[in-house]
Amino acid sequence: MRCPKCNSMETKVIDSRTIDDWQAIRRRRECEFCSHRFTTFEKKEITELTVIKKDWTKEIYDRQKLKKAILLSFAKRKYISEEIDNMISILETKRSQENKEITSKKIGTDVLNAIKNIDLVAYVRFASVYNSFETPSDFQKLLDT
């Protein structure tokens, strides 16, 4: 690992801890040249998962794209970032054990079910985009269920 301060390749690991429910590793490192300390994170990346979109085109799964969509539903709401990251990690682990392809509809349904347990307002916001609400009665139908 290259030191961010002096660019030396001579670094050593001081401490390692698992985070995100054992889905990632946080490492504390020290440069052996300038003694600068910094933190790195190691996380398994899910690259083999393909998303089948509504128009039947396919694209590689992108965690950041999903996270951005989820965070939009939490706009101006109190939330814990680690809770959302953990929710995404759990869904990714579940998906990686199943198939190599997944529909965007299935991802949306899984996210909706997970958000419902965290924040109901964010749930309604995500559902309104995911289900393409067009009228106020669409919101009322969701709230009635």
C-alpha atoms as a PDB file:
ATOM      1  CA  MET A   1       0.000   0.000   0.000  1.00  0.00           C
ATOM      2  CA  ARG A   2       1.371   3.398  -0.966  1.00  0.00           C
ATOM      3  CA  CYS A   3       1.680   6.085   1.736  1.00  0.00           C
ATOM      4  CA  PRO A   4      -0.628   9.040   0.925  1.00  0.00           C
ATOM      5  CA  LYS A   5       1.886  11.509   2.378  1.00  0.00           C
ATOM      6  CA  CYS A   6       5.257  10.503   0.858  1.00  0.00           C
ATOM      7  CA  ASN A   7       4.212   7.839  -1.728  1.00  0.00           C
ATOM      8  CA  SER A   8       6.549   5.259  -0.209  1.00  0.00           C
ATOM      9  CA  MET A   9       5.579   1.624  -0.769  1.00  0.00           C
ATOM     10  CA  GLU A  10       7.084   0.590   2.573  1.00  0.00           C
ATOM     11  CA  THR A  11       4.103   0.450   4.946  1.00  0.00           C
ATOM     12  CA  LYS A  12       3.143  -1.936   7.715  1.00  0.00           C
ATOM     13  CA  VAL A  13      -0.185  -2.931   9.229  1.00  0.00           C
ATOM     14  CA  ILE A  14      -0.582  -1.844  12.855  1.00  0.00           C
ATOM     15  CA  ASP A  15      -4.157  -2.985  13.491  1.00  0.00           C
ATOM     16  CA  SER A  16      -6.891  -4.898  11.609  1.00  0.00           C
ATOM     17  CA  ARG A  17     -10.585  -5.079  12.446  1.00  0.00           C
ATOM     18  CA  THR A  18     -13.636  -6.475  10.701  1.00  0.00           C
ATOM     19  CA  ILE A  19     -16.520  -4.105  10.042  1.00  0.00           C
ATOM     20  CA  ASP A  20     -19.929  -4.198   8.328  1.00  0.00           C
ATOM     21  CA  ASP A  21     -20.908  -7.490   9.927  1.00  0.00           C
ATOM     22  CA  TRP A  22     -17.668  -9.209   8.782  1.00  0.00           C
ATOM     23  CA  GLN A  23     -18.097  -7.926   5.205  1.00  0.00           C
ATOM     24  CA  ALA A  24     -15.020  -5.647   5.231  1.00  0.00           C
ATOM     25  CA  ILE A  25     -11.669  -5.155   6.970  1.00  0.00           C
ATOM     26  CA  ARG A  26     -10.395  -1.863   8.361  1.00  0.00           C
ATOM     27  CA  ARG A  27      -6.608  -1.692   8.547  1.00  0.00           C
ATOM     28  CA  ARG A  28      -4.550   0.915  10.364  1.00  0.00           C
ATOM     29  CA  ARG A  29      -1.203   1.344   8.611  1.00  0.00           C
ATOM     30  CA  GLU A  30       2.043   3.187   9.237  1.00  0.00           C
ATOM     31  CA  CYS A  31       4.618   4.310   6.686  1.00  0.00           C
ATOM     32  CA  GLU A  32       8.055   2.969   7.548  1.00  0.00           C
ATOM     33  CA  PHE A  33       9.706   5.910   5.788  1.00  0.00           C
ATOM     34  CA  CYS A  34       7.887   8.982   7.184  1.00  0.00           C
ATOM     35  CA  SER A  35       5.890   7.370  10.088  1.00  0.00           C
ATOM     36  CA  HIS A  36       2.586   8.765   8.746  1.00  0.00           C
ATOM     37  CA  ARG A  37      -0.441   6.724   9.890  1.00  0.00           C
ATOM     38  CA  PHE A  38      -3.483   6.140   7.702  1.00  0.00           C
ATOM     39  CA  THR A  39      -6.483   3.829   7.393  1.00  0.00           C
ATOM     40  CA  THR A  40      -7.424   1.515   4.528  1.00  0.00           C
ATOM     41  CA  PHE A  41     -10.540  -0.547   3.950  1.00  0.00           C
ATOM     42  CA  GLU A  42     -10.761  -3.888   2.158  1.00  0.00           C
ATOM     43  CA  LYS A  43     -14.095  -5.080   0.881  1.00  0.00           C
ATOM     44  CA  LYS A  44     -15.147  -7.880  -1.388  1.00  0.00           C
ATOM     45  CA  GLU A  45     -16.449  -6.404  -4.607  1.00  0.00           C
ATOM     46  CA  ILE A  46     -19.319  -8.116  -6.340  1.00  0.00           C
ATOM     47  CA  THR A  47     -18.415  -7.873 -10.008  1.00  0.00           C
ATOM     48  CA  GLU A  48     -19.960 -11.026 -11.372  1.00  0.00           C
ATOM     49  CA  LEU A  49     -23.542  -9.864 -10.803  1.00  0.00           C
ATOM     50  CA  THR A  50     -25.450  -8.640 -13.862  1.00  0.00           C
ATOM     51  CA  VAL A  51     -28.588  -6.511 -13.561  1.00  0.00           C
ATOM     52  CA  ILE A  52     -31.387  -7.004 -16.072  1.00  0.00           C
ATOM     53  CA  LYS A  53     -33.179  -3.679 -16.453  1.00  0.00           C
ATOM     54  CA  LYS A  54     -36.834  -3.022 -17.310  1.00  0.00           C
ATOM     55  CA  ASP A  55     -36.023  -2.626 -21.013  1.00  0.00           C
ATOM     56  CA  TRP A  56     -34.174  -6.003 -20.899  1.00  0.00           C
ATOM     57  CA  THR A  57     -30.744  -4.425 -21.338  1.00  0.00           C
ATOM     58  CA  LYS A  58     -28.037  -5.710 -19.035  1.00  0.00           C
ATOM     59  CA  GLU A  59     -25.401  -3.899 -17.003  1.00  0.00           C
ATOM     60  CA  ILE A  60     -22.875  -4.755 -14.309  1.00  0.00           C
ATOM     61  CA  TYR A  61     -24.135  -4.313 -10.749  1.00  0.00           C
ATOM     62  CA  ASP A  62     -22.986  -0.984  -9.263  1.00  0.00           C
ATOM     63  CA  ARG A  63     -23.142  -0.645  -5.470  1.00  0.00           C
ATOM     64  CA  GLN A  64     -22.603   3.123  -5.587  1.00  0.00           C
ATOM     65  CA  LYS A  65     -25.529   3.607  -7.982  1.00  0.00           C
ATOM     66  CA  LEU A  66     -27.822   1.663  -5.661  1.00  0.00           C
ATOM     67  CA  LYS A  67     -26.550   3.510  -2.593  1.00  0.00           C
ATOM     68  CA  LYS A  68     -27.140   6.878  -4.273  1.00  0.00           C
ATOM     69  CA  ALA A  69     -30.747   5.930  -5.058  1.00  0.00           C
ATOM     70  CA  ILE A  70     -31.323   4.809  -1.482  1.00  0.00           C
ATOM     71  CA  LEU A  71     -29.744   7.956  -0.024  1.00  0.00           C
ATOM     72  CA  LEU A  72     -32.053  10.110  -2.165  1.00  0.00           C
ATOM     73  CA  SER A  73     -35.018   8.522  -0.405  1.00  0.00           C
ATOM     74  CA  PHE A  74     -33.435   9.429   2.951  1.00  0.00           C
ATOM     75  CA  ALA A  75     -32.884  13.101   1.979  1.00  0.00           C
ATOM     76  CA  LYS A  76     -33.380  15.426   4.985  1.00  0.00           C
ATOM     77  CA  ARG A  77     -34.105  12.403   7.206  1.00  0.00           C
ATOM     78  CA  LYS A  78     -32.060  11.209  10.144  1.00  0.00           C
ATOM     79  CA  TYR A  79     -30.315   7.981   9.306  1.00  0.00           C
ATOM     80  CA  ILE A  80     -27.190   6.065  10.214  1.00  0.00           C
ATOM     81  CA  SER A  81     -24.868   5.639   7.233  1.00  0.00           C
ATOM     82  CA  GLU A  82     -23.531   2.344   8.588  1.00  0.00           C
ATOM     83  CA  GLU A  83     -27.079   0.997   8.800  1.00  0.00           C
ATOM     84  CA  ILE A  84     -27.628   1.660   5.093  1.00  0.00           C
ATOM     85  CA  ASP A  85     -24.217   0.207   4.179  1.00  0.00           C
ATOM     86  CA  ASN A  86     -25.006  -2.860   6.275  1.00  0.00           C
ATOM     87  CA  MET A  87     -28.411  -3.226   4.596  1.00  0.00           C
ATOM     88  CA  ILE A  88     -26.778  -3.117   1.144  1.00  0.00           C
ATOM     89  CA  SER A  89     -24.079  -5.601   2.232  1.00  0.00           C
ATOM     90  CA  ILE A  90     -26.693  -8.049   3.497  1.00  0.00           C
ATOM     91  CA  LEU A  91     -28.627  -7.793   0.224  1.00  0.00           C
ATOM     92  CA  GLU A  92     -25.398  -8.249  -1.790  1.00  0.00           C
ATOM     93  CA  THR A  93     -24.429 -11.334   0.208  1.00  0.00           C
ATOM     94  CA  LYS A  94     -27.877 -12.814  -0.339  1.00  0.00           C
ATOM     95  CA  ARG A  95     -27.704 -12.100  -4.088  1.00  0.00           C
ATOM     96  CA  SER A  96     -24.171 -13.438  -4.535  1.00  0.00           C
ATOM     97  CA  GLN A  97     -25.298 -16.790  -3.129  1.00  0.00           C
ATOM     98  CA  GLU A  98     -28.157 -17.025  -5.613  1.00  0.00           C
ATOM     99  CA  ASN A  99     -27.743 -16.251  -9.314  1.00  0.00           C
ATOM    100  CA  LYS A 100     -25.293 -14.367 -11.512  1.00  0.00           C
ATOM    101  CA  GLU A 101     -28.161 -12.279 -12.910  1.00  0.00           C
ATOM    102  CA  ILE A 102     -30.898 -10.379 -11.144  1.00  0.00           C
ATOM    103  CA  THR A 103     -33.674  -8.118 -12.361  1.00  0.00           C
ATOM    104  CA  SER A 104     -33.816  -4.483 -11.327  1.00  0.00           C
ATOM    105  CA  LYS A 105     -37.366  -5.232 -10.174  1.00  0.00           C
ATOM    106  CA  LYS A 106     -36.068  -7.827  -7.687  1.00  0.00           C
ATOM    107  CA  ILE A 107     -33.413  -5.403  -6.416  1.00  0.00           C
ATOM    108  CA  GLY A 108     -36.067  -2.718  -5.970  1.00  0.00           C
ATOM    109  CA  THR A 109     -38.402  -5.077  -4.111  1.00  0.00           C
ATOM    110  CA  ASP A 110     -35.599  -6.234  -1.796  1.00  0.00           C
ATOM    111  CA  VAL A 111     -34.543  -2.645  -1.077  1.00  0.00           C
ATOM    112  CA  LEU A 112     -38.152  -1.608  -0.422  1.00  0.00           C
ATOM    113  CA  ASN A 113     -38.603  -4.398   2.101  1.00  0.00           C
ATOM    114  CA  ALA A 114     -35.331  -3.483   3.828  1.00  0.00           C
ATOM    115  CA  ILE A 115     -36.031   0.281   3.921  1.00  0.00           C
ATOM    116  CA  LYS A 116     -39.483  -0.353   5.385  1.00  0.00           C
ATOM    117  CA  ASN A 117     -37.782  -1.605   8.563  1.00  0.00           C
ATOM    118  CA  ILE A 118     -35.581   1.500   8.827  1.00  0.00           C
ATOM    119  CA  ASP A 119     -37.719   4.550   7.947  1.00  0.00           C
ATOM    120  CA  LEU A 120     -41.304   4.645   6.659  1.00  0.00           C
ATOM    121  CA  VAL A 121     -40.939   8.068   5.025  1.00  0.00           C
ATOM    122  CA  ALA A 122     -37.887   6.889   3.091  1.00  0.00           C
ATOM    123  CA  TYR A 123     -39.875   3.770   2.198  1.00  0.00           C
ATOM    124  CA  VAL A 124     -42.694   5.864   0.690  1.00  0.00           C
ATOM    125  CA  ARG A 125     -40.189   8.040  -1.190  1.00  0.00           C
ATOM    126  CA  PHE A 126     -38.334   5.034  -2.627  1.00  0.00           C
ATOM    127  CA  ALA A 127     -41.616   3.313  -3.498  1.00  0.00           C
ATOM    128  CA  SER A 128     -42.886   6.412  -5.319  1.00  0.00           C
ATOM    129  CA  VAL A 129     -39.895   6.371  -7.680  1.00  0.00           C
ATOM    130  CA  TYR A 130     -39.597   2.588  -7.922  1.00  0.00           C
ATOM    131  CA  ASN A 131     -43.313   2.151  -8.689  1.00  0.00           C
ATOM    132  CA  SER A 132     -43.520   5.302 -10.873  1.00  0.00           C
ATOM    133  CA  PHE A 133     -46.282   7.013  -8.924  1.00  0.00           C
ATOM    134  CA  GLU A 134     -48.152   9.562 -11.042  1.00  0.00           C
ATOM    135  CA  THR A 135     -51.071  10.677  -8.903  1.00  0.00           C
ATOM    136  CA  PRO A 136     -51.717  11.345  -5.224  1.00  0.00           C
ATOM    137  CA  SER A 137     -54.035   8.333  -5.177  1.00  0.00           C
ATOM    138  CA  ASP A 138     -50.981   6.129  -5.841  1.00  0.00           C
ATOM    139  CA  PHE A 139     -49.514   7.371  -2.548  1.00  0.00           C
ATOM    140  CA  GLN A 140     -52.826   6.771  -0.780  1.00  0.00           C
ATOM    141  CA  LYS A 141     -52.963   3.169  -2.041  1.00  0.00           C
ATOM    142  CA  LEU A 142     -49.463   2.524  -0.687  1.00  0.00           C
ATOM    143  CA  LEU A 143     -50.318   4.066   2.677  1.00  0.00           C
ATOM    144  CA  ASP A 144     -53.527   2.031   2.905  1.00  0.00           C
ATOM    145  CA  THR A 145     -51.583  -1.209   2.546  1.00  0.00           C
END
